[in-house]
PDB file of N, CA and C in Angstrom:
ATOM      1  N   UNK A   1     -11.347  -5.844   3.632  1.00  0.00           N
ATOM      2  CA  UNK A   1      -9.742  -6.197   3.099  1.00  0.00           C
ATOM      3  C   UNK A   1     -10.132  -6.446   1.965  1.00  0.00           C
ATOM      4  N   UNK A   2      -8.991  -5.949   1.550  1.00  0.00           N
ATOM      5  CA  UNK A   2      -8.758  -6.159   0.209  1.00  0.00           C
ATOM      6  C   UNK A   2      -7.324  -7.591   0.352  1.00  0.00           C
ATOM      7  N   UNK A   3      -7.672  -8.557  -0.742  1.00  0.00           N
ATOM      8  CA  UNK A   3      -7.117  -9.624  -1.193  1.00  0.00           C
ATOM      9  C   UNK A   3      -5.678  -9.429  -1.898  1.00  0.00           C
ATOM     10  N   UNK A   4      -4.887 -10.384  -1.363  1.00  0.00           N
ATOM     11  CA  UNK A   4      -3.741  -9.566  -2.228  1.00  0.00           C
ATOM     12  C   UNK A   4      -3.242 -11.010  -3.465  1.00  0.00           C
ATOM     13  N   UNK A   5      -2.376 -10.649  -4.259  1.00  0.00           N
ATOM     14  CA  UNK A   5      -2.519 -10.719  -6.032  1.00  0.00           C
ATOM     15  C   UNK A   5      -1.461 -11.665  -5.388  1.00  0.00           C
ATOM     16  N   UNK A   6      -1.504 -13.104  -5.737  1.00  0.00           N
ATOM     17  CA  UNK A   6      -0.628 -13.880  -6.129  1.00  0.00           C
ATOM     18  C   UNK A   6       0.499 -14.460  -7.548  1.00  0.00           C
ATOM     19  N   UNK A   7       1.320 -13.868  -7.790  1.00  0.00           N
ATOM     20  CA  UNK A   7       1.519 -14.082  -8.784  1.00  0.00           C
ATOM     21  C   UNK A   7       1.664 -15.284  -9.872  1.00  0.00           C
ATOM     22  N   UNK A   8       1.263 -15.776 -10.269  1.00  0.00           N
ATOM     23  CA  UNK A   8       1.470 -17.072 -11.117  1.00  0.00           C
ATOM     24  C   UNK A   8       2.848 -17.648 -11.555  1.00  0.00           C
ATOM     25  N   UNK A   9       3.333 -18.491 -10.985  1.00  0.00           N
ATOM     26  CA  UNK A   9       4.894 -19.032 -11.867  1.00  0.00           C
ATOM     27  C   UNK A   9       4.792 -19.559 -13.526  1.00  0.00           C
ATOM     28  N   UNK A  10       4.302 -18.312 -14.703  1.00  0.00           N
ATOM     29  CA  UNK A  10       3.105 -18.874 -15.761  1.00  0.00           C
ATOM     30  C   UNK A  10       4.889 -17.973 -16.485  1.00  0.00           C
ATOM     31  N   UNK A  11       4.233 -17.916 -18.367  1.00  0.00           N
ATOM     32  CA  UNK A  11       4.617 -16.497 -19.050  1.00  0.00           C
ATOM     33  C   UNK A  11       4.275 -15.443 -18.178  1.00  0.00           C
ATOM     34  N   UNK A  12       3.414 -15.742 -18.238  1.00  0.00           N
ATOM     35  CA  UNK A  12       2.844 -14.481 -18.071  1.00  0.00           C
ATOM     36  C   UNK A  12       4.257 -13.569 -16.476  1.00  0.00           C
ATOM     37  N   UNK A  13       4.606 -13.773 -15.379  1.00  0.00           N
ATOM     38  CA  UNK A  13       5.007 -13.383 -14.733  1.00  0.00           C
ATOM     39  C   UNK A  13       7.000 -13.673 -15.290  1.00  0.00           C
ATOM     40  N   UNK A  14       7.232 -14.388 -15.860  1.00  0.00           N
ATOM     41  CA  UNK A  14       8.603 -14.586 -16.731  1.00  0.00           C
ATOM     42  C   UNK A  14       8.151 -12.903 -17.971  1.00  0.00           C
ATOM     43  N   UNK A  15       7.811 -12.704 -17.903  1.00  0.00           N
ATOM     44  CA  UNK A  15       7.599 -11.399 -18.772  1.00  0.00           C
ATOM     45  C   UNK A  15       7.475 -10.716 -18.456  1.00  0.00           C
ATOM     46  N   UNK A  16       6.936  -9.898 -17.437  1.00  0.00           N
ATOM     47  CA  UNK A  16       7.033  -9.073 -16.843  1.00  0.00           C
ATOM     48  C   UNK A  16       7.650  -8.250 -16.426  1.00  0.00           C
ATOM     49  N   UNK A  17       9.150  -8.223 -17.005  1.00  0.00           N
ATOM     50  CA  UNK A  17       9.644  -7.367 -16.847  1.00  0.00           C
ATOM     51  C   UNK A  17      11.193  -7.257 -15.978  1.00  0.00           C
ATOM     52  N   UNK A  18      11.896  -6.090 -16.066  1.00  0.00           N
ATOM     53  CA  UNK A  18      12.521  -6.596 -14.637  1.00  0.00           C
ATOM     54  C   UNK A  18      11.890  -5.599 -13.171  1.00  0.00           C
ATOM     55  N   UNK A  19      12.594  -5.783 -12.003  1.00  0.00           N
ATOM     56  CA  UNK A  19      12.178  -5.416 -11.438  1.00  0.00           C
ATOM     57  C   UNK A  19      14.021  -4.984 -10.348  1.00  0.00           C
ATOM     58  N   UNK A  20      13.761  -3.484 -10.285  1.00  0.00           N
ATOM     59  CA  UNK A  20      14.940  -3.312  -9.418  1.00  0.00           C
ATOM     60  C   UNK A  20      14.722  -2.762  -7.442  1.00  0.00           C
ATOM     61  N   UNK A  21      15.588  -3.250  -7.151  1.00  0.00           N
ATOM     62  CA  UNK A  21      15.170  -2.521  -5.955  1.00  0.00           C
ATOM     63  C   UNK A  21      17.029  -1.731  -5.516  1.00  0.00           C
ATOM     64  N   UNK A  22      15.909  -0.504  -5.003  1.00  0.00           N
ATOM     65  CA  UNK A  22      17.622   0.019  -4.222  1.00  0.00           C
ATOM     66  C   UNK A  22      17.189   0.229  -3.007  1.00  0.00           C
ATOM     67  N   UNK A  23      18.377   0.167  -2.509  1.00  0.00           N
ATOM     68  CA  UNK A  23      18.879   0.703  -1.374  1.00  0.00           C
ATOM     69  C   UNK A  23      18.981   1.705  -1.336  1.00  0.00           C
ATOM     70  N   UNK A  24      18.489   2.494  -0.228  1.00  0.00           N
ATOM     71  CA  UNK A  24      18.700   4.661  -0.117  1.00  0.00           C
ATOM     72  C   UNK A  24      19.744   4.414   0.100  1.00  0.00           C
ATOM     73  N   UNK A  25      20.717   4.129   1.471  1.00  0.00           N
ATOM     74  CA  UNK A  25      21.483   4.508   1.627  1.00  0.00           C
ATOM     75  C   UNK A  25      22.754   4.637   1.109  1.00  0.00           C
ATOM     76  N   UNK A  26      22.788   3.791   1.064  1.00  0.00           N
ATOM     77  CA  UNK A  26      24.108   3.078  -0.324  1.00  0.00           C
ATOM     78  C   UNK A  26      24.159   2.640  -1.748  1.00  0.00           C
ATOM     79  N   UNK A  27      22.332   2.860  -2.278  1.00  0.00           N
ATOM     80  CA  UNK A  27      21.965   2.609  -3.483  1.00  0.00           C
ATOM     81  C   UNK A  27      23.135   1.647  -3.920  1.00  0.00           C
ATOM     82  N   UNK A  28      22.925   0.736  -2.925  1.00  0.00           N
ATOM     83  CA  UNK A  28      22.924  -0.943  -3.912  1.00  0.00           C
ATOM     84  C   UNK A  28      21.832  -0.994  -4.558  1.00  0.00           C
ATOM     85  N   UNK A  29      22.035  -1.882  -5.798  1.00  0.00           N
ATOM     86  CA  UNK A  29      20.856  -2.501  -6.253  1.00  0.00           C
ATOM     87  C   UNK A  29      21.119  -3.705  -6.936  1.00  0.00           C
ATOM     88  N   UNK A  30      19.618  -4.739  -6.802  1.00  0.00           N
ATOM     89  CA  UNK A  30      19.514  -5.935  -6.899  1.00  0.00           C
ATOM     90  C   UNK A  30      18.128  -5.954  -7.817  1.00  0.00           C
ATOM     91  N   UNK A  31      17.898  -7.267  -8.545  1.00  0.00           N
ATOM     92  CA  UNK A  31      17.281  -7.474  -9.421  1.00  0.00           C
ATOM     93  C   UNK A  31      16.500  -8.249  -8.394  1.00  0.00           C
ATOM     94  N   UNK A  32      14.813  -8.585  -8.709  1.00  0.00           N
ATOM     95  CA  UNK A  32      14.207  -9.226  -8.056  1.00  0.00           C
ATOM     96  C   UNK A  32      13.032 -10.129  -8.996  1.00  0.00           C
ATOM     97  N   UNK A  33      12.228 -10.111  -8.973  1.00  0.00           N
ATOM     98  CA  UNK A  33      10.925 -10.990  -8.991  1.00  0.00           C
ATOM     99  C   UNK A  33       9.843 -10.774  -8.096  1.00  0.00           C
ATOM    100  N   UNK A  34       9.119 -10.197  -7.999  1.00  0.00           N
ATOM    101  CA  UNK A  34       7.916 -10.189  -7.103  1.00  0.00           C
ATOM    102  C   UNK A  34       7.052 -11.011  -7.495  1.00  0.00           C
ATOM    103  N   UNK A  35       6.725 -12.057  -6.158  1.00  0.00           N
ATOM    104  CA  UNK A  35       5.835 -13.146  -6.178  1.00  0.00           C
ATOM    105  C   UNK A  35       4.288 -12.677  -5.186  1.00  0.00           C
ATOM    106  N   UNK A  36       4.248 -11.715  -4.850  1.00  0.00           N
ATOM    107  CA  UNK A  36       2.770 -11.176  -4.189  1.00  0.00           C
ATOM    108  C   UNK A  36       3.080  -9.499  -3.376  1.00  0.00           C
ATOM    109  N   UNK A  37       1.395  -9.285  -3.813  1.00  0.00           N
ATOM    110  CA  UNK A  37       1.686  -7.803  -3.369  1.00  0.00           C
ATOM    111  C   UNK A  37       0.029  -8.181  -2.642  1.00  0.00           C
ATOM    112  N   UNK A  38      -0.508  -7.029  -1.907  1.00  0.00           N
ATOM    113  CA  UNK A  38      -0.895  -6.701  -1.803  1.00  0.00           C
ATOM    114  C   UNK A  38      -0.971  -4.868  -1.031  1.00  0.00           C
ATOM    115  N   UNK A  39      -2.571  -4.724  -0.463  1.00  0.00           N
ATOM    116  CA  UNK A  39      -2.730  -2.944  -0.822  1.00  0.00           C
ATOM    117  C   UNK A  39      -1.847  -1.969   0.789  1.00  0.00           C
ATOM    118  N   UNK A  40      -0.865  -3.492   1.303  1.00  0.00           N
ATOM    119  CA  UNK A  40      -0.196  -3.009   2.563  1.00  0.00           C
ATOM    120  C   UNK A  40       1.605  -2.598   1.779  1.00  0.00           C
ATOM    121  N   UNK A  41       1.761  -4.296   0.945  1.00  0.00           N
ATOM    122  CA  UNK A  41       3.205  -4.654   1.360  1.00  0.00           C
ATOM    123  C   UNK A  41       3.700  -5.752   0.056  1.00  0.00           C
ATOM    124  N   UNK A  42       4.487  -5.728  -0.612  1.00  0.00           N
ATOM    125  CA  UNK A  42       5.274  -6.742  -1.200  1.00  0.00           C
ATOM    126  C   UNK A  42       5.572  -7.796  -0.886  1.00  0.00           C
ATOM    127  N   UNK A  43       6.026  -8.998  -1.493  1.00  0.00           N
ATOM    128  CA  UNK A  43       6.880 -10.357  -0.926  1.00  0.00           C
ATOM    129  C   UNK A  43       7.579 -10.169  -2.972  1.00  0.00           C
ATOM    130  N   UNK A  44       9.065 -10.514  -2.208  1.00  0.00           N
ATOM    131  CA  UNK A  44      10.113 -10.239  -3.567  1.00  0.00           C
ATOM    132  C   UNK A  44      10.885 -11.878  -3.548  1.00  0.00           C
ATOM    133  N   UNK A  45      11.002 -12.176  -4.194  1.00  0.00           N
ATOM    134  CA  UNK A  45      12.828 -13.065  -4.277  1.00  0.00           C
ATOM    135  C   UNK A  45      13.629 -12.360  -4.717  1.00  0.00           C
ATOM    136  N   UNK A  46      15.754 -12.801  -4.289  1.00  0.00           N
ATOM    137  CA  UNK A  46      15.974 -11.981  -5.059  1.00  0.00           C
ATOM    138  C   UNK A  46      17.534 -12.853  -4.616  1.00  0.00           C
ATOM    139  N   UNK A  47      18.423 -12.508  -5.284  1.00  0.00           N
ATOM    140  CA  UNK A  47      19.725 -12.625  -4.565  1.00  0.00           C
ATOM    141  C   UNK A  47      20.753 -11.917  -4.008  1.00  0.00           C
ATOM    142  N   UNK A  48      20.075 -10.789  -3.312  1.00  0.00           N
ATOM    143  CA  UNK A  48      20.816 -10.386  -2.374  1.00  0.00           C
ATOM    144  C   UNK A  48      20.034 -10.388  -1.235  1.00  0.00           C
ATOM    145  N   UNK A  49      21.036 -10.099  -0.317  1.00  0.00           N
ATOM    146  CA  UNK A  49      20.221  -9.746   1.727  1.00  0.00           C
ATOM    147  C   UNK A  49      20.166  -8.148   1.309  1.00  0.00           C
ATOM    148  N   UNK A  50      18.625  -7.658   2.254  1.00  0.00           N
ATOM    149  CA  UNK A  50      18.865  -6.159   2.858  1.00  0.00           C
ATOM    150  C   UNK A  50      18.333  -6.686   4.314  1.00  0.00           C
ATOM    151  N   UNK A  51      18.374  -5.641   5.009  1.00  0.00           N
ATOM    152  CA  UNK A  51      18.157  -6.024   7.068  1.00  0.00           C
ATOM    153  C   UNK A  51      17.330  -5.234   6.709  1.00  0.00           C
ATOM    154  N   UNK A  52      16.195  -5.434   8.019  1.00  0.00           N
ATOM    155  CA  UNK A  52      15.407  -5.420   8.325  1.00  0.00           C
ATOM    156  C   UNK A  52      15.142  -3.773   8.621  1.00  0.00           C
ATOM    157  N   UNK A  53      14.309  -3.078   8.469  1.00  0.00           N
ATOM    158  CA  UNK A  53      14.373  -1.804   8.653  1.00  0.00           C
ATOM    159  C   UNK A  53      14.781  -0.849   8.006  1.00  0.00           C
ATOM    160  N   UNK A  54      15.704  -1.614   6.323  1.00  0.00           N
ATOM    161  CA  UNK A  54      15.788  -0.651   5.689  1.00  0.00           C
ATOM    162  C   UNK A  54      15.130  -0.446   4.226  1.00  0.00           C
ATOM    163  N   UNK A  55      15.552   1.272   4.068  1.00  0.00           N
ATOM    164  CA  UNK A  55      14.119   2.054   3.333  1.00  0.00           C
ATOM    165  C   UNK A  55      14.738   1.448   1.288  1.00  0.00           C
ATOM    166  N   UNK A  56      13.875   1.253   0.891  1.00  0.00           N
ATOM    167  CA  UNK A  56      13.920   0.623  -0.228  1.00  0.00           C
ATOM    168  C   UNK A  56      13.227   1.349  -1.171  1.00  0.00           C
ATOM    169  N   UNK A  57      13.811   1.890  -2.408  1.00  0.00           N
ATOM    170  CA  UNK A  57      12.837   2.274  -3.786  1.00  0.00           C
ATOM    171  C   UNK A  57      12.742   1.071  -5.013  1.00  0.00           C
ATOM    172  N   UNK A  58      11.839   0.864  -5.181  1.00  0.00           N
ATOM    173  CA  UNK A  58      11.409  -0.533  -5.930  1.00  0.00           C
ATOM    174  C   UNK A  58      10.787  -0.300  -7.209  1.00  0.00           C
ATOM    175  N   UNK A  59      11.735  -0.525  -8.281  1.00  0.00           N
ATOM    176  CA  UNK A  59      11.138   0.379 -10.017  1.00  0.00           C
ATOM    177  C   UNK A  59      10.876  -0.998 -10.735  1.00  0.00           C
ATOM    178  N   UNK A  60       9.624  -1.080 -11.592  1.00  0.00           N
ATOM    179  CA  UNK A  60       8.792  -1.931 -11.838  1.00  0.00           C
ATOM    180  C   UNK A  60       9.353  -0.867 -13.736  1.00  0.00           C
ATOM    181  N   UNK A  61       9.287  -2.278 -14.444  1.00  0.00           N
ATOM    182  CA  UNK A  61       9.839  -1.622 -16.099  1.00  0.00           C
ATOM    183  C   UNK A  61       7.847  -1.936 -16.492  1.00  0.00           C
ATOM    184  N   UNK A  62       7.708  -2.336 -15.697  1.00  0.00           N
ATOM    185  CA  UNK A  62       5.981  -2.328 -15.976  1.00  0.00           C
ATOM    186  C   UNK A  62       5.443  -2.736 -14.789  1.00  0.00           C
ATOM    187  N   UNK A  63       3.878  -1.823 -14.975  1.00  0.00           N
ATOM    188  CA  UNK A  63       3.268  -1.730 -13.673  1.00  0.00           C
ATOM    189  C   UNK A  63       2.826  -3.462 -12.806  1.00  0.00           C
ATOM    190  N   UNK A  64       2.980  -2.943 -11.815  1.00  0.00           N
ATOM    191  CA  UNK A  64       2.426  -5.056 -11.212  1.00  0.00           C
ATOM    192  C   UNK A  64       1.181  -5.140 -11.545  1.00  0.00           C
ATOM    193  N   UNK A  65       0.334  -4.698 -11.533  1.00  0.00           N
ATOM    194  CA  UNK A  65      -1.269  -4.559 -11.611  1.00  0.00           C
ATOM    195  C   UNK A  65      -1.446  -3.807 -12.693  1.00  0.00           C
ATOM    196  N   UNK A  66      -2.811  -3.638 -13.062  1.00  0.00           N
ATOM    197  CA  UNK A  66      -3.545  -2.748 -14.205  1.00  0.00           C
ATOM    198  C   UNK A  66      -3.418  -1.735 -13.140  1.00  0.00           C
ATOM    199  N   UNK A  67      -2.276  -0.521 -14.295  1.00  0.00           N
ATOM    200  CA  UNK A  67      -3.516   1.099 -13.510  1.00  0.00           C
ATOM    201  C   UNK A  67      -2.751   1.174 -12.119  1.00  0.00           C
ATOM    202  N   UNK A  68      -1.858   0.488 -11.849  1.00  0.00           N
ATOM    203  CA  UNK A  68      -0.782   1.251 -10.921  1.00  0.00           C
ATOM    204  C   UNK A  68       0.556   1.468 -10.972  1.00  0.00           C
ATOM    205  N   UNK A  69       0.711   1.975 -10.319  1.00  0.00           N
ATOM    206  CA  UNK A  69       2.617   2.972 -10.822  1.00  0.00           C
ATOM    207  C   UNK A  69       3.487   2.016 -10.408  1.00  0.00           C
ATOM    208  N   UNK A  70       4.634   2.701 -11.214  1.00  0.00           N
ATOM    209  CA  UNK A  70       6.131   1.676 -10.945  1.00  0.00           C
ATOM    210  C   UNK A  70       7.378   1.902 -10.701  1.00  0.00           C
ATOM    211  N   UNK A  71       6.689   2.851 -10.101  1.00  0.00           N
ATOM    212  CA  UNK A  71       7.646   3.553  -8.613  1.00  0.00           C
ATOM    213  C   UNK A  71       6.902   3.365  -7.547  1.00  0.00           C
ATOM    214  N   UNK A  72       7.705   2.620  -5.857  1.00  0.00           N
ATOM    215  CA  UNK A  72       7.625   2.155  -4.783  1.00  0.00           C
ATOM    216  C   UNK A  72       8.309   2.828  -3.795  1.00  0.00           C
ATOM    217  N   UNK A  73       8.413   3.517  -2.554  1.00  0.00           N
ATOM    218  CA  UNK A  73       8.912   3.512  -1.912  1.00  0.00           C
ATOM    219  C   UNK A  73       8.736   2.784  -0.360  1.00  0.00           C
ATOM    220  N   UNK A  74       9.399   1.537  -0.119  1.00  0.00           N
ATOM    221  CA  UNK A  74       9.049   0.768   0.584  1.00  0.00           C
ATOM    222  C   UNK A  74      10.236   0.606   2.079  1.00  0.00           C
ATOM    223  N   UNK A  75      10.312  -0.117   3.273  1.00  0.00           N
ATOM    224  CA  UNK A  75      10.955  -0.275   4.148  1.00  0.00           C
ATOM    225  C   UNK A  75      10.961  -1.728   4.509  1.00  0.00           C
ATOM    226  N   UNK A  76      11.742  -2.310   4.982  1.00  0.00           N
ATOM    227  CA  UNK A  76      12.260  -3.340   4.596  1.00  0.00           C
ATOM    228  C   UNK A  76      11.585  -4.259   5.902  1.00  0.00           C
ATOM    229  N   UNK A  77      10.113  -5.474   6.084  1.00  0.00           N
ATOM    230  CA  UNK A  77      10.025  -5.858   7.046  1.00  0.00           C
ATOM    231  C   UNK A  77      10.996  -7.085   7.358  1.00  0.00           C
ATOM    232  N   UNK A  78      11.153  -7.468   6.814  1.00  0.00           N
ATOM    233  CA  UNK A  78      11.888  -8.564   7.139  1.00  0.00           C
ATOM    234  C   UNK A  78      12.139  -9.676   5.755  1.00  0.00           C
ATOM    235  N   UNK A  79      13.638 -10.180   6.200  1.00  0.00           N
ATOM    236  CA  UNK A  79      14.040 -11.153   4.874  1.00  0.00           C
ATOM    237  C   UNK A  79      15.013 -11.969   5.809  1.00  0.00           C
ATOM    238  N   UNK A  80      14.846 -13.624   4.539  1.00  0.00           N
ATOM    239  CA  UNK A  80      14.756 -15.075   4.781  1.00  0.00           C
ATOM    240  C   UNK A  80      15.729 -15.371   4.424  1.00  0.00           C
ATOM    241  N   UNK A  81      16.455 -16.420   4.136  1.00  0.00           N
ATOM    242  CA  UNK A  81      17.224 -17.177   3.423  1.00  0.00           C
ATOM    243  C   UNK A  81      16.662 -18.021   2.884  1.00  0.00           C
ATOM    244  N   UNK A  82      16.616 -18.586   1.454  1.00  0.00           N
ATOM    245  CA  UNK A  82      15.342 -19.329   0.893  1.00  0.00           C
ATOM    246  C   UNK A  82      16.549 -20.548   0.843  1.00  0.00           C
ATOM    247  N   UNK A  83      17.763 -20.022   0.022  1.00  0.00           N
ATOM    248  CA  UNK A  83      17.797 -20.993  -0.838  1.00  0.00           C
ATOM    249  C   UNK A  83      20.031 -20.781  -0.393  1.00  0.00           C
ATOM    250  N   UNK A  84      20.886 -21.777  -0.393  1.00  0.00           N
ATOM    251  CA  UNK A  84      22.693 -21.417  -0.038  1.00  0.00           C
ATOM    252  C   UNK A  84      22.678 -22.315  -0.931  1.00  0.00           C
ATOM    253  N   UNK A  85      21.392 -22.958  -2.578  1.00  0.00           N
ATOM    254  CA  UNK A  85      22.690 -23.606  -3.601  1.00  0.00           C
ATOM    255  C   UNK A  85      23.592 -22.003  -4.264  1.00  0.00           C
ATOM    256  N   UNK A  86      25.213 -22.457  -4.389  1.00  0.00           N
ATOM    257  CA  UNK A  86      26.145 -22.388  -5.020  1.00  0.00           C
ATOM    258  C   UNK A  86      25.719 -21.703  -6.204  1.00  0.00           C
ATOM    259  N   UNK A  87      25.994 -20.915  -7.296  1.00  0.00           N
ATOM    260  CA  UNK A  87      26.870 -19.684  -6.816  1.00  0.00           C
ATOM    261  C   UNK A  87      26.349 -18.704  -6.421  1.00  0.00           C
ATOM    262  N   UNK A  88      24.718 -18.255  -6.557  1.00  0.00           N
ATOM    263  CA  UNK A  88      24.327 -17.585  -5.651  1.00  0.00           C
ATOM    264  C   UNK A  88      23.171 -18.062  -4.893  1.00  0.00           C
ATOM    265  N   UNK A  89      22.864 -17.280  -3.468  1.00  0.00           N
ATOM    266  CA  UNK A  89      21.698 -18.033  -2.640  1.00  0.00           C
ATOM    267  C   UNK A  89      20.911 -17.175  -2.978  1.00  0.00           C
ATOM    268  N   UNK A  90      19.625 -17.370  -2.367  1.00  0.00           N
ATOM    269  CA  UNK A  90      18.553 -17.047  -2.531  1.00  0.00           C
ATOM    270  C   UNK A  90      17.729 -16.384  -1.100  1.00  0.00           C
ATOM    271  N   UNK A  91      16.902 -14.961  -1.513  1.00  0.00           N
ATOM    272  CA  UNK A  91      16.668 -14.430  -0.492  1.00  0.00           C
ATOM    273  C   UNK A  91      14.555 -14.009  -0.087  1.00  0.00           C
ATOM    274  N   UNK A  92      14.296 -14.265   0.566  1.00  0.00           N
ATOM    275  CA  UNK A  92      12.781 -13.854   0.493  1.00  0.00           C
ATOM    276  C   UNK A  92      12.930 -12.752   1.059  1.00  0.00           C
ATOM    277  N   UNK A  93      11.882 -11.319   0.980  1.00  0.00           N
ATOM    278  CA  UNK A  93      11.943  -9.523   1.327  1.00  0.00           C
ATOM    279  C   UNK A  93      10.604  -9.573   1.444  1.00  0.00           C
ATOM    280  N   UNK A  94      10.377  -9.107   2.410  1.00  0.00           N
ATOM    281  CA  UNK A  94       8.547  -8.838   2.738  1.00  0.00           C
ATOM    282  C   UNK A  94       8.976  -7.234   3.418  1.00  0.00           C
ATOM    283  N   UNK A  95       8.125  -6.165   2.262  1.00  0.00           N
ATOM    284  CA  UNK A  95       8.763  -5.027   2.532  1.00  0.00           C
ATOM    285  C   UNK A  95       7.015  -4.356   2.227  1.00  0.00           C
ATOM    286  N   UNK A  96       6.943  -3.122   3.646  1.00  0.00           N
ATOM    287  CA  UNK A  96       5.836  -2.593   3.500  1.00  0.00           C
ATOM    288  C   UNK A  96       5.780  -0.737   2.780  1.00  0.00           C
ATOM    289  N   UNK A  97       5.245  -0.503   2.284  1.00  0.00           N
ATOM    290  CA  UNK A  97       5.268   1.020   1.760  1.00  0.00           C
ATOM    291  C   UNK A  97       5.108   1.520   3.036  1.00  0.00           C
ATOM    292  N   UNK A  98       5.983   2.844   2.416  1.00  0.00           N
ATOM    293  CA  UNK A  98       6.113   4.372   3.083  1.00  0.00           C
ATOM    294  C   UNK A  98       5.622   5.051   2.572  1.00  0.00           C
TER     295      UNK A  98
END
């Protein structure tokens, strides 16, 4: 079984570049921060909510892991409100690769 990789909250994670999540049906786009990646799934934090079951495209400005792709297709597995602080809310999103 492959271990998951958790991104550290340090200079390296803030220098990773942009990650864009695009909802396939609506075309809505959001910036996100990758917090965890495994062989089957990813966990992001973002200011946008997504419904479970929705298809999304994920585009990284740089590969999240050495030798990996920069574009992925996934299905939203879950979305949870993390913070209701204004002016923007924060959500955690779990996705599975398709």
